[in-house]
Amino acid sequence: MKVGLFSVLFSYLTWEEALDKIKEFGIEAVEVGTGNYPNNAHCKPDELLKDASARSKFKKAAEDRDIMISALSCQGNPLNPNKELAKKHHDTWRSTVELASELEIPVVCHFSGCPGDSPKAERPNWVTCAWPNEYSQTLKWQWEEVAIPYWQKEAEFARSKGIKIAFEMHPGFLVYNPRTLLRLREAAGDNIGANFDPSHLIWQGINPAEAIRYLGKTIYHFHAKDTYLDHSNIAKNGVLDTASYTDLTERSWTFRSVGYGLDEKAWRDMVTALRLVGYDYALSIEHEDPIASVEEGLKKSADFLNSIILKEPPANAWWI
């Protein structure tokens, strides 16, 4: 395993400067944003696809610093009922897959997307309960008429380019937990898997280590991000929270640097579970901690992960 970083937090630096900064933290892998919700400051697919020498320079900058590019990331909503926005996110997805293939980067990270509640909808509609029956009917339409047909086609496109799709299980989109991820994988193709981000699962009440073992080899990428649960606020208002991410004293949960939400044992359990299911790839830090500075929070996350990951192959059972 390698400690990695989602490089968007250093978007104010050039690609080479960002890599030099990343290297200072003992990080060995980088995930790069290509547009949609992440920015594309370091990687503009449409430009790189037109210029082989620029692609070579982009890749060589990481190789020269012994940093692996673990994934390209274009998290967006190509199922958005706003057709203009959906097309923009779709086009970015397509060009990202093309670029990943050219650069021999095996994984593209994305969101599954969320449609509206009908062909006439103007905004996405995330269904969170099965009753009244209109909600179940909406959910059935979203999956069967929109998401599955779209991703069947797109999974085949990605497969033709040798690319695995890693969906972040994120509330607000159709794929938000292991069950919904596996539903889309079963319907649309086995090159669909997870960009496993425990932070979005923790506040839903999911045990990350159990979820890792459940998903097994369908995990194609991993986001190292933590969540702090404010049990006092949860006791009063539950975990479905629409308060601003900056309203820290009122929120039921808050994203934190790794080790500031769950304890060390929980993260060691995740590392163990990842090894048991055969995952030996990047743990990509996604730093979204509103309490820590970028560099201090990143350093503490990187140091913490480097102290608990297992980098060497397991020993033979010499004691048997």
C-alpha atoms as a PDB file:
ATOM      1  CA  MET A   1       0.000   0.000   0.000  1.00  0.00           C
ATOM      2  CA  LYS A   2       1.024   3.588  -0.587  1.00  0.00           C
ATOM      3  CA  VAL A   3      -0.063   6.767   1.153  1.00  0.00           C
ATOM      4  CA  GLY A   4      -1.490   9.039  -1.526  1.00  0.00           C
ATOM      5  CA  LEU A   5      -3.090  12.459  -1.857  1.00  0.00           C
ATOM      6  CA  PHE A   6      -5.922  13.992  -3.860  1.00  0.00           C
ATOM      7  CA  SER A   7      -3.884  16.888  -5.207  1.00  0.00           C
ATOM      8  CA  VAL A   8      -6.684  19.452  -5.569  1.00  0.00           C
ATOM      9  CA  LEU A   9      -5.791  21.112  -2.265  1.00  0.00           C
ATOM     10  CA  PHE A  10      -2.549  22.355  -3.882  1.00  0.00           C
ATOM     11  CA  SER A  11      -4.282  23.809  -6.933  1.00  0.00           C
ATOM     12  CA  TYR A  12      -2.623  27.180  -6.340  1.00  0.00           C
ATOM     13  CA  LEU A  13       0.719  25.562  -7.260  1.00  0.00           C
ATOM     14  CA  THR A  14       1.898  24.371 -10.666  1.00  0.00           C
ATOM     15  CA  TRP A  15       1.867  20.618 -11.271  1.00  0.00           C
ATOM     16  CA  GLU A  16       5.597  20.337 -10.645  1.00  0.00           C
ATOM     17  CA  GLU A  17       5.440  22.556  -7.554  1.00  0.00           C
ATOM     18  CA  ALA A  18       2.529  20.530  -6.198  1.00  0.00           C
ATOM     19  CA  LEU A  19       4.454  17.283  -6.662  1.00  0.00           C
ATOM     20  CA  ASP A  20       7.460  18.737  -4.841  1.00  0.00           C
ATOM     21  CA  LYS A  21       5.192  19.830  -1.991  1.00  0.00           C
ATOM     22  CA  ILE A  22       3.492  16.424  -1.868  1.00  0.00           C
ATOM     23  CA  LYS A  23       6.867  14.701  -1.696  1.00  0.00           C
ATOM     24  CA  GLU A  24       7.707  16.660   1.471  1.00  0.00           C
ATOM     25  CA  PHE A  25       4.934  14.850   3.353  1.00  0.00           C
ATOM     26  CA  GLY A  26       6.217  11.328   2.650  1.00  0.00           C
ATOM     27  CA  ILE A  27       3.445  10.697   0.113  1.00  0.00           C
ATOM     28  CA  GLU A  28       4.049   8.197  -2.693  1.00  0.00           C
ATOM     29  CA  ALA A  29       0.913   8.452  -4.838  1.00  0.00           C
ATOM     30  CA  VAL A  30      -1.272  11.197  -6.241  1.00  0.00           C
ATOM     31  CA  GLU A  31      -4.880  11.329  -7.432  1.00  0.00           C
ATOM     32  CA  VAL A  32      -5.487  14.143  -9.899  1.00  0.00           C
ATOM     33  CA  GLY A  33      -8.667  16.108 -10.536  1.00  0.00           C
ATOM     34  CA  THR A  34      -9.736  16.586 -14.150  1.00  0.00           C
ATOM     35  CA  GLY A  35     -12.833  18.757 -13.733  1.00  0.00           C
ATOM     36  CA  ASN A  36     -16.526  18.630 -12.766  1.00  0.00           C
ATOM     37  CA  TYR A  37     -16.753  19.043  -8.975  1.00  0.00           C
ATOM     38  CA  PRO A  38     -12.975  18.742  -8.479  1.00  0.00           C
ATOM     39  CA  ASN A  39     -10.955  21.407 -10.232  1.00  0.00           C
ATOM     40  CA  ASN A  40      -8.656  20.631 -13.144  1.00  0.00           C
ATOM     41  CA  ALA A  41      -5.793  22.971 -12.242  1.00  0.00           C
ATOM     42  CA  HIS A  42      -3.169  20.252 -12.721  1.00  0.00           C
ATOM     43  CA  CYS A  43      -4.772  18.203 -15.477  1.00  0.00           C
ATOM     44  CA  LYS A  44      -6.914  19.493 -18.353  1.00  0.00           C
ATOM     45  CA  PRO A  45      -7.868  16.409 -20.370  1.00  0.00           C
ATOM     46  CA  ASP A  46      -8.914  18.168 -23.561  1.00  0.00           C
ATOM     47  CA  GLU A  47      -5.579  19.959 -23.758  1.00  0.00           C
ATOM     48  CA  LEU A  48      -3.445  16.941 -22.896  1.00  0.00           C
ATOM     49  CA  LEU A  49      -5.274  14.692 -25.344  1.00  0.00           C
ATOM     50  CA  LYS A  50      -4.207  17.003 -28.173  1.00  0.00           C
ATOM     51  CA  ASP A  51      -0.523  17.077 -27.232  1.00  0.00           C
ATOM     52  CA  ALA A  52       1.543  13.899 -26.822  1.00  0.00           C
ATOM     53  CA  SER A  53       4.582  15.818 -25.591  1.00  0.00           C
ATOM     54  CA  ALA A  54       2.476  17.528 -22.897  1.00  0.00           C
ATOM     55  CA  ARG A  55       1.143  14.139 -21.793  1.00  0.00           C
ATOM     56  CA  SER A  56       4.677  12.789 -21.578  1.00  0.00           C
ATOM     57  CA  LYS A  57       5.815  15.803 -19.553  1.00  0.00           C
ATOM     58  CA  PHE A  58       2.832  15.480 -17.198  1.00  0.00           C
ATOM     59  CA  LYS A  59       3.527  11.811 -16.484  1.00  0.00           C
ATOM     60  CA  LYS A  60       7.303  12.211 -16.295  1.00  0.00           C
ATOM     61  CA  ALA A  61       6.993  14.940 -13.649  1.00  0.00           C
ATOM     62  CA  ALA A  62       5.470  12.384 -11.287  1.00  0.00           C
ATOM     63  CA  GLU A  63       7.803   9.560 -12.289  1.00  0.00           C
ATOM     64  CA  ASP A  64      10.890  11.724 -11.729  1.00  0.00           C
ATOM     65  CA  ARG A  65       9.772  12.194  -8.129  1.00  0.00           C
ATOM     66  CA  ASP A  66       8.889   8.506  -7.616  1.00  0.00           C
ATOM     67  CA  ILE A  67       5.218   9.381  -7.211  1.00  0.00           C
ATOM     68  CA  MET A  68       2.606   7.072  -8.709  1.00  0.00           C
ATOM     69  CA  ILE A  69      -0.509   8.584 -10.303  1.00  0.00           C
ATOM     70  CA  SER A  70      -3.165   6.362  -8.743  1.00  0.00           C
ATOM     71  CA  ALA A  71      -6.278   7.764 -10.460  1.00  0.00           C
ATOM     72  CA  LEU A  72      -7.824  10.577 -12.432  1.00  0.00           C
ATOM     73  CA  SER A  73     -10.929  11.987 -10.767  1.00  0.00           C
ATOM     74  CA  CYS A  74     -13.888  13.735 -12.379  1.00  0.00           C
ATOM     75  CA  GLN A  75     -16.617  13.379  -9.742  1.00  0.00           C
ATOM     76  CA  GLY A  76     -19.794  14.874 -11.195  1.00  0.00           C
ATOM     77  CA  ASN A  77     -23.441  14.231 -12.007  1.00  0.00           C
ATOM     78  CA  PRO A  78     -23.887  13.114 -15.620  1.00  0.00           C
ATOM     79  CA  LEU A  79     -27.481  12.117 -14.761  1.00  0.00           C
ATOM     80  CA  ASN A  80     -28.456  15.647 -13.742  1.00  0.00           C
ATOM     81  CA  PRO A  81     -31.854  16.669 -15.174  1.00  0.00           C
ATOM     82  CA  ASN A  82     -30.215  19.951 -16.167  1.00  0.00           C
ATOM     83  CA  LYS A  83     -29.201  18.775 -19.639  1.00  0.00           C
ATOM     84  CA  GLU A  84     -26.513  21.392 -20.127  1.00  0.00           C
ATOM     85  CA  LEU A  85     -24.804  20.511 -16.846  1.00  0.00           C
ATOM     86  CA  ALA A  86     -25.234  16.774 -17.449  1.00  0.00           C
ATOM     87  CA  LYS A  87     -23.561  17.073 -20.856  1.00  0.00           C
ATOM     88  CA  LYS A  88     -20.674  19.045 -19.388  1.00  0.00           C
ATOM     89  CA  HIS A  89     -20.101  16.387 -16.738  1.00  0.00           C
ATOM     90  CA  HIS A  90     -20.494  13.602 -19.298  1.00  0.00           C
ATOM     91  CA  ASP A  91     -17.993  15.188 -21.671  1.00  0.00           C
ATOM     92  CA  THR A  92     -15.459  15.640 -18.869  1.00  0.00           C
ATOM     93  CA  TRP A  93     -15.940  11.993 -17.876  1.00  0.00           C
ATOM     94  CA  ARG A  94     -15.385  10.810 -21.439  1.00  0.00           C
ATOM     95  CA  SER A  95     -12.237  12.864 -21.954  1.00  0.00           C
ATOM     96  CA  THR A  96     -10.921  11.743 -18.557  1.00  0.00           C
ATOM     97  CA  VAL A  97     -11.295   8.089 -19.530  1.00  0.00           C
ATOM     98  CA  GLU A  98      -9.554   8.762 -22.845  1.00  0.00           C
ATOM     99  CA  LEU A  99      -6.690  10.504 -21.035  1.00  0.00           C
ATOM    100  CA  ALA A 100      -6.376   7.820 -18.357  1.00  0.00           C
ATOM    101  CA  SER A 101      -6.069   5.240 -21.113  1.00  0.00           C
ATOM    102  CA  GLU A 102      -3.364   7.246 -22.914  1.00  0.00           C
ATOM    103  CA  LEU A 103      -1.422   7.718 -19.667  1.00  0.00           C
ATOM    104  CA  GLU A 104      -1.904   4.063 -18.586  1.00  0.00           C
ATOM    105  CA  ILE A 105      -3.620   5.098 -15.366  1.00  0.00           C
ATOM    106  CA  PRO A 106      -6.008   2.207 -14.607  1.00  0.00           C
ATOM    107  CA  VAL A 107      -8.682   3.956 -12.505  1.00  0.00           C
ATOM    108  CA  VAL A 108     -11.070   6.870 -12.996  1.00  0.00           C
ATOM    109  CA  CYS A 109     -12.978   8.056  -9.899  1.00  0.00           C
ATOM    110  CA  HIS A 110     -16.501   9.399 -10.301  1.00  0.00           C
ATOM    111  CA  PHE A 111     -19.954   9.698  -8.727  1.00  0.00           C
ATOM    112  CA  SER A 112     -22.851   7.596  -9.959  1.00  0.00           C
ATOM    113  CA  GLY A 113     -24.981  10.703 -10.408  1.00  0.00           C
ATOM    114  CA  CYS A 114     -28.566  11.390  -9.414  1.00  0.00           C
ATOM    115  CA  PRO A 115     -31.473  12.128 -11.784  1.00  0.00           C
ATOM    116  CA  GLY A 116     -34.562  14.176 -11.046  1.00  0.00           C
ATOM    117  CA  ASP A 117     -37.909  12.582 -10.214  1.00  0.00           C
ATOM    118  CA  SER A 118     -39.247  12.525 -13.786  1.00  0.00           C
ATOM    119  CA  PRO A 119     -38.343  13.536 -17.351  1.00  0.00           C
ATOM    120  CA  LYS A 120     -39.718  17.001 -16.543  1.00  0.00           C
ATOM    121  CA  ALA A 121     -37.536  17.549 -13.460  1.00  0.00           C
ATOM    122  CA  GLU A 122     -35.222  20.532 -13.130  1.00  0.00           C
ATOM    123  CA  ARG A 123     -33.086  19.431 -10.174  1.00  0.00           C
ATOM    124  CA  PRO A 124     -31.717  16.121  -8.821  1.00  0.00           C
ATOM    125  CA  ASN A 125     -33.937  14.279  -6.334  1.00  0.00           C
ATOM    126  CA  TRP A 126     -32.204  11.931  -3.883  1.00  0.00           C
ATOM    127  CA  VAL A 127     -34.705   9.453  -2.432  1.00  0.00           C
ATOM    128  CA  THR A 128     -34.007   8.423   1.180  1.00  0.00           C
ATOM    129  CA  CYS A 129     -37.099   6.436   2.164  1.00  0.00           C
ATOM    130  CA  ALA A 130     -39.449   3.879   0.626  1.00  0.00           C
ATOM    131  CA  TRP A 131     -42.781   5.397   1.652  1.00  0.00           C
ATOM    132  CA  PRO A 132     -45.027   7.146   0.700  1.00  0.00           C
ATOM    133  CA  ASN A 133     -45.117   5.026  -2.428  1.00  0.00           C
ATOM    134  CA  GLU A 134     -44.279   7.924  -4.743  1.00  0.00           C
ATOM    135  CA  TYR A 135     -40.710   7.726  -3.443  1.00  0.00           C
ATOM    136  CA  SER A 136     -40.335   4.062  -4.355  1.00  0.00           C
ATOM    137  CA  GLN A 137     -41.814   4.774  -7.782  1.00  0.00           C
ATOM    138  CA  THR A 138     -39.383   7.638  -8.285  1.00  0.00           C
ATOM    139  CA  LEU A 139     -36.443   5.469  -7.264  1.00  0.00           C
ATOM    140  CA  LYS A 140     -37.497   2.677  -9.632  1.00  0.00           C
ATOM    141  CA  TRP A 141     -37.675   5.158 -12.528  1.00  0.00           C
ATOM    142  CA  GLN A 142     -34.290   6.685 -11.647  1.00  0.00           C
ATOM    143  CA  TRP A 143     -32.550   3.316 -11.673  1.00  0.00           C
ATOM    144  CA  GLU A 144     -34.308   1.504 -14.494  1.00  0.00           C
ATOM    145  CA  GLU A 145     -34.903   4.328 -16.938  1.00  0.00           C
ATOM    146  CA  VAL A 146     -31.882   6.564 -16.339  1.00  0.00           C
ATOM    147  CA  ALA A 147     -28.934   5.213 -14.335  1.00  0.00           C
ATOM    148  CA  ILE A 148     -28.696   1.613 -15.527  1.00  0.00           C
ATOM    149  CA  PRO A 149     -28.991   2.374 -19.269  1.00  0.00           C
ATOM    150  CA  TYR A 150     -26.485   5.215 -18.968  1.00  0.00           C
ATOM    151  CA  TRP A 151     -23.892   3.271 -17.006  1.00  0.00           C
ATOM    152  CA  GLN A 152     -24.249   0.116 -19.088  1.00  0.00           C
ATOM    153  CA  LYS A 153     -23.087   2.154 -22.061  1.00  0.00           C
ATOM    154  CA  GLU A 154     -20.416   4.058 -20.155  1.00  0.00           C
ATOM    155  CA  ALA A 155     -19.007   0.981 -18.437  1.00  0.00           C
ATOM    156  CA  GLU A 156     -18.581  -0.626 -21.836  1.00  0.00           C
ATOM    157  CA  PHE A 157     -16.831   2.515 -23.091  1.00  0.00           C
ATOM    158  CA  ALA A 158     -14.471   2.487 -20.096  1.00  0.00           C
ATOM    159  CA  ARG A 159     -13.839  -1.244 -20.553  1.00  0.00           C
ATOM    160  CA  SER A 160     -12.883  -0.664 -24.189  1.00  0.00           C
ATOM    161  CA  LYS A 161     -10.208   1.747 -22.929  1.00  0.00           C
ATOM    162  CA  GLY A 162      -8.946  -0.604 -20.206  1.00  0.00           C
ATOM    163  CA  ILE A 163     -10.289   1.585 -17.398  1.00  0.00           C
ATOM    164  CA  LYS A 164     -11.926   0.631 -14.103  1.00  0.00           C
ATOM    165  CA  ILE A 165     -14.609   2.980 -12.754  1.00  0.00           C
ATOM    166  CA  ALA A 166     -14.333   3.721  -9.030  1.00  0.00           C
ATOM    167  CA  PHE A 167     -17.541   5.220  -7.644  1.00  0.00           C
ATOM    168  CA  GLU A 168     -17.384   7.189  -4.438  1.00  0.00           C
ATOM    169  CA  MET A 169     -20.363   6.088  -2.336  1.00  0.00           C
ATOM    170  CA  HIS A 170     -21.687   9.549  -1.565  1.00  0.00           C
ATOM    171  CA  PRO A 171     -25.121  10.491  -0.193  1.00  0.00           C
ATOM    172  CA  GLY A 172     -26.987  12.669  -2.656  1.00  0.00           C
ATOM    173  CA  PHE A 173     -26.296  10.215  -5.485  1.00  0.00           C
ATOM    174  CA  LEU A 174     -27.843   6.848  -6.355  1.00  0.00           C
ATOM    175  CA  VAL A 175     -24.728   4.972  -5.244  1.00  0.00           C
ATOM    176  CA  TYR A 176     -24.233   5.954  -1.614  1.00  0.00           C
ATOM    177  CA  ASN A 177     -23.576   2.662   0.234  1.00  0.00           C
ATOM    178  CA  PRO A 178     -22.250  -0.837  -0.534  1.00  0.00           C
ATOM    179  CA  ARG A 179     -25.647  -2.251  -1.508  1.00  0.00           C
ATOM    180  CA  THR A 180     -26.301   0.435  -4.112  1.00  0.00           C
ATOM    181  CA  LEU A 181     -22.767   0.114  -5.457  1.00  0.00           C
ATOM    182  CA  LEU A 182     -23.187  -3.620  -5.959  1.00  0.00           C
ATOM    183  CA  ARG A 183     -26.594  -3.077  -7.539  1.00  0.00           C
ATOM    184  CA  LEU A 184     -25.093  -0.843 -10.219  1.00  0.00           C
ATOM    185  CA  ARG A 185     -22.133  -3.171 -10.719  1.00  0.00           C
ATOM    186  CA  GLU A 186     -24.431  -6.161 -11.224  1.00  0.00           C
ATOM    187  CA  ALA A 187     -26.561  -4.236 -13.722  1.00  0.00           C
ATOM    188  CA  ALA A 188     -23.864  -2.397 -15.665  1.00  0.00           C
ATOM    189  CA  GLY A 189     -20.590  -4.282 -15.527  1.00  0.00           C
ATOM    190  CA  ASP A 190     -17.818  -5.738 -13.413  1.00  0.00           C
ATOM    191  CA  ASN A 191     -15.399  -2.919 -14.207  1.00  0.00           C
ATOM    192  CA  ILE A 192     -17.558  -0.826 -11.883  1.00  0.00           C
ATOM    193  CA  GLY A 193     -16.219  -0.755  -8.337  1.00  0.00           C
ATOM    194  CA  ALA A 194     -15.657   1.504  -5.353  1.00  0.00           C
ATOM    195  CA  ASN A 195     -13.557   4.511  -4.578  1.00  0.00           C
ATOM    196  CA  PHE A 196     -13.940   3.583  -0.920  1.00  0.00           C
ATOM    197  CA  ASP A 197     -14.288   6.748   1.167  1.00  0.00           C
ATOM    198  CA  PRO A 198     -15.046   5.850   4.787  1.00  0.00           C
ATOM    199  CA  SER A 199     -15.986   9.420   5.709  1.00  0.00           C
ATOM    200  CA  HIS A 200     -19.345   9.209   3.913  1.00  0.00           C
ATOM    201  CA  LEU A 201     -20.103   5.808   5.395  1.00  0.00           C
ATOM    202  CA  ILE A 202     -19.230   6.612   9.006  1.00  0.00           C
ATOM    203  CA  TRP A 203     -22.046   9.120   9.508  1.00  0.00           C
ATOM    204  CA  GLN A 204     -24.538   6.719   7.948  1.00  0.00           C
ATOM    205  CA  GLY A 205     -23.750   4.207  10.702  1.00  0.00           C
ATOM    206  CA  ILE A 206     -21.706   1.877   8.495  1.00  0.00           C
ATOM    207  CA  ASN A 207     -18.644   0.124   9.915  1.00  0.00           C
ATOM    208  CA  PRO A 208     -15.902   0.787   7.339  1.00  0.00           C
ATOM    209  CA  ALA A 209     -13.918  -2.395   8.023  1.00  0.00           C
ATOM    210  CA  GLU A 210     -17.053  -4.537   7.658  1.00  0.00           C
ATOM    211  CA  ALA A 211     -17.950  -2.708   4.440  1.00  0.00           C
ATOM    212  CA  ILE A 212     -14.453  -3.303   3.055  1.00  0.00           C
ATOM    213  CA  ARG A 213     -14.747  -7.030   3.678  1.00  0.00           C
ATOM    214  CA  TYR A 214     -18.226  -7.047   2.152  1.00  0.00           C
ATOM    215  CA  LEU A 215     -17.120  -5.271  -1.034  1.00  0.00           C
ATOM    216  CA  GLY A 216     -13.886  -7.223  -1.332  1.00  0.00           C
ATOM    217  CA  LYS A 217     -12.185  -7.044  -4.692  1.00  0.00           C
ATOM    218  CA  THR A 218     -14.685  -4.495  -6.003  1.00  0.00           C
ATOM    219  CA  ILE A 219     -12.614  -1.791  -4.243  1.00  0.00           C
ATOM    220  CA  TYR A 220     -10.520  -0.097  -6.935  1.00  0.00           C
ATOM    221  CA  HIS A 221      -9.381   3.016  -5.055  1.00  0.00           C
ATOM    222  CA  PHE A 222      -9.475   4.378  -1.501  1.00  0.00           C
ATOM    223  CA  HIS A 223      -9.995   7.853  -0.049  1.00  0.00           C
ATOM    224  CA  ALA A 224      -8.406   8.424   3.350  1.00  0.00           C
ATOM    225  CA  LYS A 225     -10.794  10.853   5.011  1.00  0.00           C
ATOM    226  CA  ASP A 226     -12.275  10.760   8.487  1.00  0.00           C
ATOM    227  CA  THR A 227     -15.515  11.949  10.071  1.00  0.00           C
ATOM    228  CA  TYR A 228     -16.103  13.197  13.595  1.00  0.00           C
ATOM    229  CA  LEU A 229     -19.507  12.314  15.033  1.00  0.00           C
ATOM    230  CA  ASP A 230     -20.963  14.857  17.445  1.00  0.00           C
ATOM    231  CA  HIS A 231     -23.046  12.506  19.560  1.00  0.00           C
ATOM    232  CA  SER A 232     -24.719  15.340  21.452  1.00  0.00           C
ATOM    233  CA  ASN A 233     -26.122  16.809  18.238  1.00  0.00           C
ATOM    234  CA  ILE A 234     -26.906  13.361  16.859  1.00  0.00           C
ATOM    235  CA  ALA A 235     -28.888  12.588  19.996  1.00  0.00           C
ATOM    236  CA  LYS A 236     -31.014  15.664  19.342  1.00  0.00           C
ATOM    237  CA  ASN A 237     -31.289  15.719  15.552  1.00  0.00           C
ATOM    238  CA  GLY A 238     -29.979  12.493  14.049  1.00  0.00           C
ATOM    239  CA  VAL A 239     -27.426  12.189  11.257  1.00  0.00           C
ATOM    240  CA  LEU A 240     -29.316  13.627   8.262  1.00  0.00           C
ATOM    241  CA  ASP A 241     -27.802  17.083   8.450  1.00  0.00           C
ATOM    242  CA  THR A 242     -28.231  20.012   6.060  1.00  0.00           C
ATOM    243  CA  ALA A 243     -26.542  22.595   8.287  1.00  0.00           C
ATOM    244  CA  SER A 244     -23.626  24.416   6.669  1.00  0.00           C
ATOM    245  CA  TYR A 245     -20.290  22.612   6.733  1.00  0.00           C
ATOM    246  CA  THR A 246     -18.920  25.708   8.466  1.00  0.00           C
ATOM    247  CA  ASP A 247     -21.482  25.578  11.300  1.00  0.00           C
ATOM    248  CA  LEU A 248     -19.317  23.207  13.312  1.00  0.00           C
ATOM    249  CA  THR A 249     -21.006  23.520  16.711  1.00  0.00           C
ATOM    250  CA  GLU A 250     -24.441  22.703  15.276  1.00  0.00           C
ATOM    251  CA  ARG A 251     -23.615  19.917  12.857  1.00  0.00           C
ATOM    252  CA  SER A 252     -24.095  16.249  13.714  1.00  0.00           C
ATOM    253  CA  TRP A 253     -20.893  15.295  11.925  1.00  0.00           C
ATOM    254  CA  THR A 254     -17.851  16.977  10.405  1.00  0.00           C
ATOM    255  CA  PHE A 255     -15.104  15.809   8.035  1.00  0.00           C
ATOM    256  CA  ARG A 256     -11.746  15.571   9.794  1.00  0.00           C
ATOM    257  CA  SER A 257      -8.129  14.696   9.160  1.00  0.00           C
ATOM    258  CA  VAL A 258      -7.404  10.991   9.441  1.00  0.00           C
ATOM    259  CA  GLY A 259      -7.298   9.940  13.098  1.00  0.00           C
ATOM    260  CA  TYR A 260      -9.410  12.841  14.361  1.00  0.00           C
ATOM    261  CA  GLY A 261     -12.727  11.067  13.821  1.00  0.00           C
ATOM    262  CA  LEU A 262     -12.321   7.338  14.331  1.00  0.00           C
ATOM    263  CA  ASP A 263      -9.603   6.068  16.639  1.00  0.00           C
ATOM    264  CA  GLU A 264      -6.369   4.382  15.612  1.00  0.00           C
ATOM    265  CA  LYS A 265      -7.802   0.890  16.128  1.00  0.00           C
ATOM    266  CA  ALA A 266     -10.598   1.570  13.616  1.00  0.00           C
ATOM    267  CA  TRP A 267      -8.080   2.698  11.003  1.00  0.00           C
ATOM    268  CA  ARG A 268      -5.831  -0.291  11.695  1.00  0.00           C
ATOM    269  CA  ASP A 269      -8.904  -2.496  11.208  1.00  0.00           C
ATOM    270  CA  MET A 270      -9.484  -0.850   7.813  1.00  0.00           C
ATOM    271  CA  VAL A 271      -5.873  -1.469   6.761  1.00  0.00           C
ATOM    272  CA  THR A 272      -6.188  -5.094   7.872  1.00  0.00           C
ATOM    273  CA  ALA A 273      -9.467  -5.535   5.997  1.00  0.00           C
ATOM    274  CA  LEU A 274      -7.954  -4.015   2.854  1.00  0.00           C
ATOM    275  CA  ARG A 275      -5.096  -6.482   2.999  1.00  0.00           C
ATOM    276  CA  LEU A 276      -7.472  -9.400   3.578  1.00  0.00           C
ATOM    277  CA  VAL A 277      -9.453  -8.555   0.427  1.00  0.00           C
ATOM    278  CA  GLY A 278      -6.277  -8.110  -1.611  1.00  0.00           C
ATOM    279  CA  TYR A 279      -6.200  -4.318  -1.940  1.00  0.00           C
ATOM    280  CA  ASP A 280      -2.605  -3.159  -2.388  1.00  0.00           C
ATOM    281  CA  TYR A 281      -2.912   0.316  -3.870  1.00  0.00           C
ATOM    282  CA  ALA A 282      -3.192   3.938  -2.788  1.00  0.00           C
ATOM    283  CA  LEU A 283      -4.801   5.333   0.361  1.00  0.00           C
ATOM    284  CA  SER A 284      -5.455   8.762  -1.104  1.00  0.00           C
ATOM    285  CA  ILE A 285      -5.822  11.492   1.507  1.00  0.00           C
ATOM    286  CA  GLU A 286      -8.722  13.825   0.756  1.00  0.00           C
ATOM    287  CA  HIS A 287      -8.157  16.746   3.083  1.00  0.00           C
ATOM    288  CA  GLU A 288     -11.412  18.552   3.905  1.00  0.00           C
ATOM    289  CA  ASP A 289     -10.864  19.354   7.578  1.00  0.00           C
ATOM    290  CA  PRO A 290     -12.393  22.724   8.596  1.00  0.00           C
ATOM    291  CA  ILE A 291     -10.561  22.711  11.931  1.00  0.00           C
ATOM    292  CA  ALA A 292      -6.975  22.091  10.761  1.00  0.00           C
ATOM    293  CA  SER A 293      -4.884  24.065   8.296  1.00  0.00           C
ATOM    294  CA  VAL A 294      -4.094  22.410   4.973  1.00  0.00           C
ATOM    295  CA  GLU A 295      -0.466  21.655   5.745  1.00  0.00           C
ATOM    296  CA  GLU A 296      -0.860  20.718   9.423  1.00  0.00           C
ATOM    297  CA  GLY A 297      -3.882  18.529   8.767  1.00  0.00           C
ATOM    298  CA  LEU A 298      -2.194  16.875   5.804  1.00  0.00           C
ATOM    299  CA  LYS A 299       1.013  16.230   7.748  1.00  0.00           C
ATOM    300  CA  LYS A 300      -0.850  14.629  10.628  1.00  0.00           C
ATOM    301  CA  SER A 301      -2.879  12.476   8.223  1.00  0.00           C
ATOM    302  CA  ALA A 302       0.187  11.377   6.248  1.00  0.00           C
ATOM    303  CA  ASP A 303       2.238  10.626   9.368  1.00  0.00           C
ATOM    304  CA  PHE A 304      -0.661   8.687  10.875  1.00  0.00           C
ATOM    305  CA  LEU A 305      -1.233   6.584   7.763  1.00  0.00           C
ATOM    306  CA  ASN A 306       2.475   5.931   7.220  1.00  0.00           C
ATOM    307  CA  SER A 307       2.639   4.602  10.771  1.00  0.00           C
ATOM    308  CA  ILE A 308      -0.164   2.051  10.274  1.00  0.00           C
ATOM    309  CA  ILE A 309      -0.137   0.876   6.642  1.00  0.00           C
ATOM    310  CA  LEU A 310       1.532  -2.386   5.697  1.00  0.00           C
ATOM    311  CA  LYS A 311       3.959  -1.837   2.826  1.00  0.00           C
ATOM    312  CA  GLU A 312       5.734  -5.181   2.673  1.00  0.00           C
ATOM    313  CA  PRO A 313       4.202  -8.456   1.497  1.00  0.00           C
ATOM    314  CA  PRO A 314       2.945 -10.696   4.338  1.00  0.00           C
ATOM    315  CA  ALA A 315       5.308 -13.318   5.703  1.00  0.00           C
ATOM    316  CA  ASN A 316       5.001 -16.972   4.893  1.00  0.00           C
ATOM    317  CA  ALA A 317       3.477 -18.926   7.757  1.00  0.00           C
ATOM    318  CA  TRP A 318       6.886 -20.100   8.955  1.00  0.00           C
ATOM    319  CA  TRP A 319       5.443 -21.063  12.363  1.00  0.00           C
ATOM    320  CA  ILE A 320       3.214 -23.800  10.902  1.00  0.00           C
END
